[in-house]
C-alpha atoms as a PDB file:
ATOM      1  CA  MET A   1     -40.180 -19.785  14.538  1.00  0.00           C
ATOM      2  CA  VAL A   2     -36.814 -21.452  15.201  1.00  0.00           C
ATOM      3  CA  SER A   3     -35.272 -19.488  12.335  1.00  0.00           C
ATOM      4  CA  PHE A   4     -36.328 -16.251  14.059  1.00  0.00           C
ATOM      5  CA  PHE A   5     -34.384 -17.177  17.211  1.00  0.00           C
ATOM      6  CA  ILE A   6     -31.379 -18.277  15.157  1.00  0.00           C
ATOM      7  CA  ALA A   7     -31.451 -14.907  13.373  1.00  0.00           C
ATOM      8  CA  LEU A   8     -31.580 -13.093  16.749  1.00  0.00           C
ATOM      9  CA  TRP A   9     -28.695 -15.223  18.013  1.00  0.00           C
ATOM     10  CA  ILE A  10     -26.613 -14.384  14.909  1.00  0.00           C
ATOM     11  CA  LEU A  11     -27.453 -10.676  15.295  1.00  0.00           C
ATOM     12  CA  GLY A  12     -26.400 -10.828  18.957  1.00  0.00           C
ATOM     13  CA  ILE A  13     -23.070 -12.390  18.047  1.00  0.00           C
ATOM     14  CA  GLY A  14     -22.556  -9.804  15.304  1.00  0.00           C
ATOM     15  CA  PHE A  15     -23.323  -6.974  17.709  1.00  0.00           C
ATOM     16  CA  ARG A  16     -20.793  -8.261  20.254  1.00  0.00           C
ATOM     17  CA  VAL A  17     -18.098  -8.662  17.584  1.00  0.00           C
ATOM     18  CA  ILE A  18     -18.683  -5.140  16.268  1.00  0.00           C
ATOM     19  CA  LYS A  19     -18.784  -3.676  19.781  1.00  0.00           C
ATOM     20  CA  LYS A  20     -15.446  -5.338  20.609  1.00  0.00           C
ATOM     21  CA  SER A  21     -13.648  -4.372  17.381  1.00  0.00           C
ATOM     22  CA  TYR A  22     -15.164  -0.925  16.797  1.00  0.00           C
ATOM     23  CA  PRO A  23     -12.690   1.059  18.965  1.00  0.00           C
ATOM     24  CA  ALA A  24      -9.726  -0.536  17.177  1.00  0.00           C
ATOM     25  CA  LEU A  25     -11.066   0.582  13.816  1.00  0.00           C
ATOM     26  CA  LEU A  26     -11.186   4.221  14.857  1.00  0.00           C
ATOM     27  CA  ASP A  27      -8.249   6.330  15.928  1.00  0.00           C
ATOM     28  CA  GLN A  28      -8.696   6.486  19.666  1.00  0.00           C
ATOM     29  CA  ARG A  29      -6.501   7.678  22.455  1.00  0.00           C
ATOM     30  CA  ALA A  30      -4.239   4.933  23.816  1.00  0.00           C
ATOM     31  CA  GLU A  31      -5.220   3.151  27.004  1.00  0.00           C
ATOM     32  CA  PRO A  32      -4.474   5.172  30.202  1.00  0.00           C
ATOM     33  CA  GLU A  33      -2.024   2.523  31.481  1.00  0.00           C
ATOM     34  CA  LEU A  34      -0.099   2.606  28.212  1.00  0.00           C
ATOM     35  CA  GLU A  35      -0.058   6.408  28.230  1.00  0.00           C
ATOM     36  CA  ALA A  36       1.276   6.382  31.805  1.00  0.00           C
ATOM     37  CA  ARG A  37       4.097   4.011  30.780  1.00  0.00           C
ATOM     38  CA  ILE A  38       4.970   6.280  27.833  1.00  0.00           C
ATOM     39  CA  LYS A  39       5.011   9.379  30.064  1.00  0.00           C
ATOM     40  CA  LYS A  40       7.235   7.635  32.613  1.00  0.00           C
ATOM     41  CA  LEU A  41       9.699   6.548  29.922  1.00  0.00           C
ATOM     42  CA  ILE A  42       9.923  10.094  28.516  1.00  0.00           C
ATOM     43  CA  GLU A  43      10.332  11.626  31.984  1.00  0.00           C
ATOM     44  CA  ASP A  44      12.990   9.086  32.991  1.00  0.00           C
ATOM     45  CA  PHE A  45      14.884   9.644  29.744  1.00  0.00           C
ATOM     46  CA  CYS A  46      14.793  13.439  29.943  1.00  0.00           C
ATOM     47  CA  GLY A  47      15.711  13.853  33.585  1.00  0.00           C
ATOM     48  CA  GLU A  48      17.008  17.408  33.966  1.00  0.00           C
ATOM     49  CA  GLU A  49      18.056  17.795  30.312  1.00  0.00           C
ATOM     50  CA  CYS A  50      14.642  18.252  28.712  1.00  0.00           C
ATOM     51  CA  ALA A  51      10.902  18.353  29.225  1.00  0.00           C
ATOM     52  CA  TYR A  52       7.875  17.524  27.125  1.00  0.00           C
ATOM     53  CA  HIS A  53       4.314  18.699  26.690  1.00  0.00           C
ATOM     54  CA  LYS A  54       1.300  18.163  24.430  1.00  0.00           C
ATOM     55  CA  LEU A  55       1.605  14.379  24.430  1.00  0.00           C
ATOM     56  CA  ARG A  56      -0.997  12.934  22.076  1.00  0.00           C
ATOM     57  CA  THR A  57      -1.520   9.250  21.516  1.00  0.00           C
ATOM     58  CA  ARG A  58      -3.683   7.553  18.914  1.00  0.00           C
ATOM     59  CA  GLN A  59      -4.263   3.877  18.633  1.00  0.00           C
ATOM     60  CA  ALA A  60      -5.331   2.529  15.253  1.00  0.00           C
ATOM     61  CA  GLY A  61      -5.562  -1.235  15.465  1.00  0.00           C
ATOM     62  CA  ALA A  62      -2.285  -2.515  16.836  1.00  0.00           C
ATOM     63  CA  LYS A  63      -0.370   0.638  15.811  1.00  0.00           C
ATOM     64  CA  ILE A  64       0.254   3.414  18.343  1.00  0.00           C
ATOM     65  CA  HIS A  65       0.989   6.922  17.107  1.00  0.00           C
ATOM     66  CA  LEU A  66       2.849   9.205  19.527  1.00  0.00           C
ATOM     67  CA  ASP A  67       3.209  12.931  19.124  1.00  0.00           C
ATOM     68  CA  PHE A  68       4.664  15.359  21.655  1.00  0.00           C
ATOM     69  CA  HIS A  69       6.756  18.493  21.910  1.00  0.00           C
ATOM     70  CA  LEU A  70      10.206  18.079  23.373  1.00  0.00           C
ATOM     71  CA  GLN A  71      11.808  21.102  25.035  1.00  0.00           C
ATOM     72  CA  PHE A  72      15.457  21.557  25.913  1.00  0.00           C
ATOM     73  CA  LYS A  73      17.243  24.017  28.149  1.00  0.00           C
ATOM     74  CA  PRO A  74      18.424  27.136  26.308  1.00  0.00           C
ATOM     75  CA  GLU A  75      22.085  26.201  26.790  1.00  0.00           C
ATOM     76  CA  THR A  76      21.631  22.851  25.005  1.00  0.00           C
ATOM     77  CA  SER A  77      23.244  22.871  21.574  1.00  0.00           C
ATOM     78  CA  ILE A  78      21.177  22.054  18.505  1.00  0.00           C
ATOM     79  CA  GLU A  79      23.373  19.042  17.806  1.00  0.00           C
ATOM     80  CA  LYS A  80      22.919  17.618  21.309  1.00  0.00           C
ATOM     81  CA  ALA A  81      19.157  18.259  21.234  1.00  0.00           C
ATOM     82  CA  HIS A  82      18.915  16.530  17.869  1.00  0.00           C
ATOM     83  CA  GLN A  83      20.928  13.567  19.128  1.00  0.00           C
ATOM     84  CA  LEU A  84      18.841  13.256  22.306  1.00  0.00           C
ATOM     85  CA  SER A  85      15.579  13.434  20.385  1.00  0.00           C
ATOM     86  CA  HIS A  86      16.704  10.576  18.126  1.00  0.00           C
ATOM     87  CA  GLN A  87      17.796   8.545  21.145  1.00  0.00           C
ATOM     88  CA  LEU A  88      14.420   9.085  22.808  1.00  0.00           C
ATOM     89  CA  LYS A  89      12.609   8.083  19.625  1.00  0.00           C
ATOM     90  CA  ALA A  90      14.677   4.888  19.391  1.00  0.00           C
ATOM     91  CA  GLU A  91      14.032   4.139  23.063  1.00  0.00           C
ATOM     92  CA  LEU A  92      10.271   4.583  22.659  1.00  0.00           C
ATOM     93  CA  GLU A  93      10.192   2.430  19.534  1.00  0.00           C
ATOM     94  CA  SER A  94      12.211  -0.326  21.219  1.00  0.00           C
ATOM     95  CA  LYS A  95       9.943  -0.409  24.307  1.00  0.00           C
ATOM     96  CA  PHE A  96       6.774  -0.095  22.218  1.00  0.00           C
ATOM     97  CA  PRO A  97       7.455  -1.969  18.947  1.00  0.00           C
ATOM     98  CA  THR A  98       4.139  -0.975  17.341  1.00  0.00           C
ATOM     99  CA  ALA A  99       4.724   2.726  18.056  1.00  0.00           C
ATOM    100  CA  GLU A 100       5.250   5.367  15.432  1.00  0.00           C
ATOM    101  CA  VAL A 101       6.877   8.380  17.058  1.00  0.00           C
END
């Protein structure tokens, strides 16, 4: 009889561990607070020079994957747009060290 309760206790612990770690094992959208911080950083960086849309975040364990479309004004040269996009990527990766942009 005691072994039955010990087995239930072990199953309960296992269930709680799986419930806690399950979201990290699947690619899920990043937490809303983290997404808001990412959006703010992009908006602050772009200012009047660029805009973004289709921001997608995925969190797989500790790693955060970011994907978005960056748009520049028509008068922005390709070289400047390329430079700004690399600067933004570096900024995001420095603020969020586990991010892959």
